[in-house]
Protein backbone atom coordinates (compact mmCIF):
# COMPACT_ATOMS: atom_id res chain seq x y z
CA UNK A 1 7.64 4.48 24.49
CA UNK A 2 4.01 3.46 25.15
CA UNK A 3 2.13 3.10 28.40
CA UNK A 4 -1.43 2.43 29.54
CA UNK A 5 -3.04 3.00 32.90
CA UNK A 6 -6.36 1.43 33.84
CA UNK A 7 -7.01 0.81 30.16
CA UNK A 8 -10.17 -1.04 29.17
CA UNK A 9 -10.81 -2.04 25.56
CA UNK A 10 -14.03 -2.99 23.84
CA UNK A 11 -17.01 -1.64 21.96
CA UNK A 12 -20.43 -1.79 23.66
CA UNK A 13 -18.86 -3.55 26.64
CA UNK A 14 -15.32 -3.88 27.95
CA UNK A 15 -13.56 -7.03 26.75
CA UNK A 16 -10.29 -6.54 28.65
CA UNK A 17 -10.05 -4.19 31.64
CA UNK A 18 -7.53 -2.68 34.04
CA UNK A 19 -4.55 -2.87 31.69
CA UNK A 20 -1.38 -1.30 33.09
CA UNK A 21 1.25 -1.87 30.42
CA UNK A 22 4.62 -0.27 29.70
CA UNK A 23 6.32 -0.94 26.37
CA UNK A 24 10.01 -0.04 26.13
CA UNK A 25 12.52 -0.03 23.25
CA UNK A 26 13.74 -3.58 22.64
CA UNK A 27 10.58 -5.21 23.98
CA UNK A 28 9.13 -8.17 22.09
CA UNK A 29 5.77 -8.80 23.75
CA UNK A 30 3.54 -11.75 22.91
CA UNK A 31 -0.18 -11.67 23.71
CA UNK A 32 -1.86 -15.06 23.95
CA UNK A 33 -5.33 -16.36 24.81
CA UNK A 34 -8.37 -18.01 23.18
CA UNK A 35 -10.12 -16.49 20.17
CA UNK A 36 -12.82 -13.87 20.64
CA UNK A 37 -11.73 -12.47 24.00
CA UNK A 38 -10.33 -9.10 22.96
CA UNK A 39 -6.73 -9.61 21.80
CA UNK A 40 -7.29 -8.00 18.40
CA UNK A 41 -9.35 -5.20 19.97
CA UNK A 42 -6.49 -4.52 22.37
CA UNK A 43 -4.01 -4.33 19.50
CA UNK A 44 -6.31 -2.04 17.49
CA UNK A 45 -6.70 0.21 20.55
CA UNK A 46 -2.91 0.44 20.97
CA UNK A 47 -2.72 1.31 17.26
CA UNK A 48 -5.19 4.16 17.73
CA UNK A 49 -7.82 2.55 15.50
CA UNK A 50 -10.29 1.98 18.33
CA UNK A 51 -10.78 4.51 21.15
CA UNK A 52 -10.13 3.24 24.69
CA UNK A 53 -13.28 2.07 26.45
CA UNK A 54 -11.82 3.49 29.66
CA UNK A 55 -8.45 4.57 31.04
CA UNK A 56 -5.47 6.22 29.36
CA UNK A 57 -3.00 5.39 26.60
CA UNK A 58 0.10 7.52 26.12
CA UNK A 59 3.08 7.21 23.81
CA UNK A 60 6.23 9.13 22.95
CA UNK A 61 5.90 8.70 19.20
CA UNK A 62 6.22 12.01 17.40
CA UNK A 63 5.01 11.15 13.89
CA UNK A 64 2.29 8.84 12.63
CA UNK A 65 4.73 6.76 10.56
CA UNK A 66 6.54 5.68 13.73
CA UNK A 67 3.86 3.08 14.41
CA UNK A 68 3.51 0.06 12.14
CA UNK A 69 0.47 -2.22 12.16
CA UNK A 70 0.09 -5.63 10.53
CA UNK A 71 -3.61 -6.53 10.75
CA UNK A 72 -4.88 -10.08 10.69
CA UNK A 73 -6.40 -9.46 7.25
CA UNK A 74 -3.12 -7.81 6.16
CA UNK A 75 -4.61 -4.71 4.50
CA UNK A 76 -2.85 -5.29 1.18
CA UNK A 77 -3.86 -3.76 -2.15
CA UNK A 78 -4.67 -7.07 -3.81
CA UNK A 79 -4.67 -5.91 -7.45
CA UNK A 80 -1.31 -4.16 -7.02
CA UNK A 81 2.16 -5.71 -7.11
CA UNK A 82 4.31 -6.79 -4.18
CA UNK A 83 6.60 -3.83 -4.92
CA UNK A 84 3.71 -1.35 -4.86
CA UNK A 85 2.44 -2.67 -1.52
CA UNK A 86 5.87 -2.63 0.11
CA UNK A 87 6.58 0.85 -1.27
CA UNK A 88 3.50 2.08 0.62
CA UNK A 89 5.39 1.30 3.80
CA UNK A 90 8.46 3.21 2.62
CA UNK A 91 6.30 6.22 1.70
CA UNK A 92 4.64 6.28 5.14
CA UNK A 93 7.96 6.08 6.99
CA UNK A 94 8.87 8.84 9.41
CA UNK A 95 12.55 8.13 8.75
CA UNK A 96 14.67 10.52 6.71
CA UNK A 97 17.08 9.41 3.96
CA UNK A 98 20.82 9.69 4.57
CA UNK A 99 22.41 13.00 3.65
CA UNK A 100 22.97 13.27 -0.07
CA UNK A 101 20.43 10.56 -0.95
CA UNK A 102 17.17 11.60 -2.57
CA UNK A 103 13.88 10.57 -0.98
CA UNK A 104 12.90 8.69 -4.14
CA UNK A 105 16.14 6.71 -4.25
CA UNK A 106 16.00 5.94 -0.53
CA UNK A 107 12.43 4.68 -0.74
CA UNK A 108 13.33 2.49 -3.70
CA UNK A 109 16.29 1.04 -1.81
CA UNK A 110 14.43 0.24 1.42
CA UNK A 111 11.57 -1.27 -0.59
CA UNK A 112 13.94 -3.59 -2.44
CA UNK A 113 15.75 -4.50 0.79
CA UNK A 114 12.48 -5.38 2.54
CA UNK A 115 11.30 -7.52 -0.38
CA UNK A 116 14.62 -9.35 -0.39
CA UNK A 117 14.52 -9.88 3.37
CA UNK A 118 11.16 -11.65 2.97
CA UNK A 119 12.43 -13.87 0.14
CA UNK A 120 10.05 -12.28 -2.38
CA UNK A 121 12.46 -10.82 -4.93
CA UNK A 122 11.18 -13.13 -7.68
CA UNK A 123 7.64 -11.97 -6.89
CA UNK A 124 8.41 -8.24 -6.99
CA UNK A 125 6.13 -7.53 -9.98
CA UNK A 126 3.52 -10.14 -9.10
CA UNK A 127 0.01 -8.96 -8.16
CA UNK A 128 -0.71 -9.77 -4.52
CA UNK A 129 -3.91 -11.62 -5.44
CA UNK A 130 -1.82 -14.31 -7.17
CA UNK A 131 0.30 -15.03 -4.10
CA UNK A 132 -0.23 -17.80 -1.57
CA UNK A 133 -1.47 -16.89 1.91
CA UNK A 134 2.02 -17.20 3.33
CA UNK A 135 3.51 -15.00 0.60
CA UNK A 136 0.88 -12.37 1.27
CA UNK A 137 1.81 -12.37 4.95
CA UNK A 138 5.45 -11.92 4.02
CA UNK A 139 4.46 -9.01 1.77
CA UNK A 140 2.64 -7.33 4.66
CA UNK A 141 5.70 -7.85 6.84
CA UNK A 142 7.97 -6.41 4.13
CA UNK A 143 5.73 -3.33 4.01
CA UNK A 144 6.35 -2.80 7.72
CA UNK A 145 10.09 -3.41 7.34
CA UNK A 146 10.21 -0.70 4.66
CA UNK A 147 8.34 1.66 6.99
CA UNK A 148 10.91 1.15 9.76
CA UNK A 149 8.57 2.13 12.62
CA UNK A 150 9.51 2.45 16.29
CA UNK A 151 6.62 0.23 17.39
CA UNK A 152 5.28 -2.74 15.43
CA UNK A 153 1.84 -4.12 16.31
CA UNK A 154 1.24 -7.46 14.58
CA UNK A 155 -1.91 -9.59 14.70
CA UNK A 156 -1.00 -13.27 14.18
CA UNK A 157 1.35 -12.31 11.36
CA UNK A 158 3.17 -15.66 11.54
CA UNK A 159 0.12 -17.78 10.74
CA UNK A 160 0.15 -19.69 7.42
CA UNK A 161 3.95 -19.78 7.49
CA UNK A 162 6.00 -22.96 7.66
CA UNK A 163 8.80 -23.29 10.20
CA UNK A 164 11.50 -22.06 7.81
CA UNK A 165 9.56 -18.93 6.88
CA UNK A 166 8.68 -18.24 10.53
CA UNK A 167 12.41 -18.14 11.27
CA UNK A 168 13.05 -15.79 8.35
CA UNK A 169 10.16 -13.44 9.09
CA UNK A 170 10.73 -13.22 12.82
CA UNK A 171 14.47 -12.86 12.29
CA UNK A 172 13.86 -9.83 10.05
CA UNK A 173 11.45 -8.25 12.55
CA UNK A 174 13.91 -8.90 15.37
CA UNK A 175 16.64 -7.09 13.41
CA UNK A 176 14.26 -4.18 12.87
CA UNK A 177 13.60 -4.00 16.62
CA UNK A 178 17.30 -4.22 17.49
CA UNK A 179 18.69 -1.86 14.84
CA UNK A 180 16.02 0.82 15.23
CA UNK A 181 15.61 0.71 19.01
CA UNK A 182 12.02 -0.33 18.35
CA UNK A 183 9.47 -2.62 20.05
CA UNK A 184 7.12 -5.37 18.88
CA UNK A 185 3.74 -6.39 20.27
CA UNK A 186 2.35 -9.51 18.60
CA UNK A 187 -0.90 -11.40 19.06
CA UNK A 188 0.15 -15.04 18.77
CA UNK A 189 -2.10 -18.10 18.71
CA UNK A 190 0.88 -20.47 19.00
CA UNK A 191 1.78 -20.42 22.70
CA UNK A 192 5.04 -22.35 22.25
CA UNK A 193 6.16 -19.88 19.60
CA UNK A 194 5.30 -16.93 21.83
CA UNK A 195 7.59 -18.22 24.56
CA UNK A 196 10.31 -19.02 22.04
CA UNK A 197 10.51 -15.57 20.46
CA UNK A 198 9.15 -13.04 22.95
CA UNK A 199 10.88 -11.33 25.85
CA UNK A 200 7.53 -11.05 27.66
CA UNK A 201 4.34 -13.08 27.29
CA UNK A 202 0.98 -11.74 28.46
CA UNK A 203 -2.27 -13.71 28.56
CA UNK A 204 -5.81 -12.43 28.19
CA UNK A 205 -7.91 -14.42 30.64
CA UNK A 206 -11.17 -13.62 32.45
CA UNK A 207 -11.16 -10.08 31.06
CA UNK A 208 -7.66 -9.29 32.32
CA UNK A 209 -4.20 -9.07 30.77
CA UNK A 210 -1.70 -10.85 33.00
CA UNK A 211 2.00 -11.73 32.70
CA UNK A 212 2.75 -15.41 32.22
CA UNK A 213 5.65 -16.96 34.11
CA UNK A 214 8.28 -18.42 31.85
CA UNK A 215 7.89 -15.60 29.35
CA UNK A 216 11.41 -14.32 29.82
CA UNK A 217 13.61 -15.19 26.85
CA UNK A 218 17.33 -14.65 27.22
């Protein structure tokens, strides 16, 4: 689905080098490590937002909408409603509606389903700027759910959420991965949570990305 060989990421200098990574359908990969060492840059490079410093990055995605990205700053339209923001995900989806269902109706349905999955139905018409930080993160996640991508890249998207909402949000993303034969790569500051939810855990340390023992999750 996505693979890198000898990948180095960075801007003026390489932050993380020599990355050989294969991402397969069903993977839930957690990336851990201290702040400021290149985790976000790595995620942005995988998303195609930053060119590789060195090495190669290849994927089997056919259309742009097959990759979903939840940035740390969320990228929401703050003056617009929850529904509007989530609908942006539905409109960017590479998925096709079922036979006999109009595109407009399908987009409306998947938008409503994603909002409900994030427990935001009562906030559907609410401007994003009026939401709490946790509600905004759930809105960004709902946008990605409505997009239904094959790869989700998420940058600390569980921060600002209490334990109950973490369960809800990750449960919804896990269903997306399972039902759509997708994959998730998440930058996670909470090491315990990374091991709890991810099938593989990788650590950025001394400019390298290495697997961490104990990262297998049955």
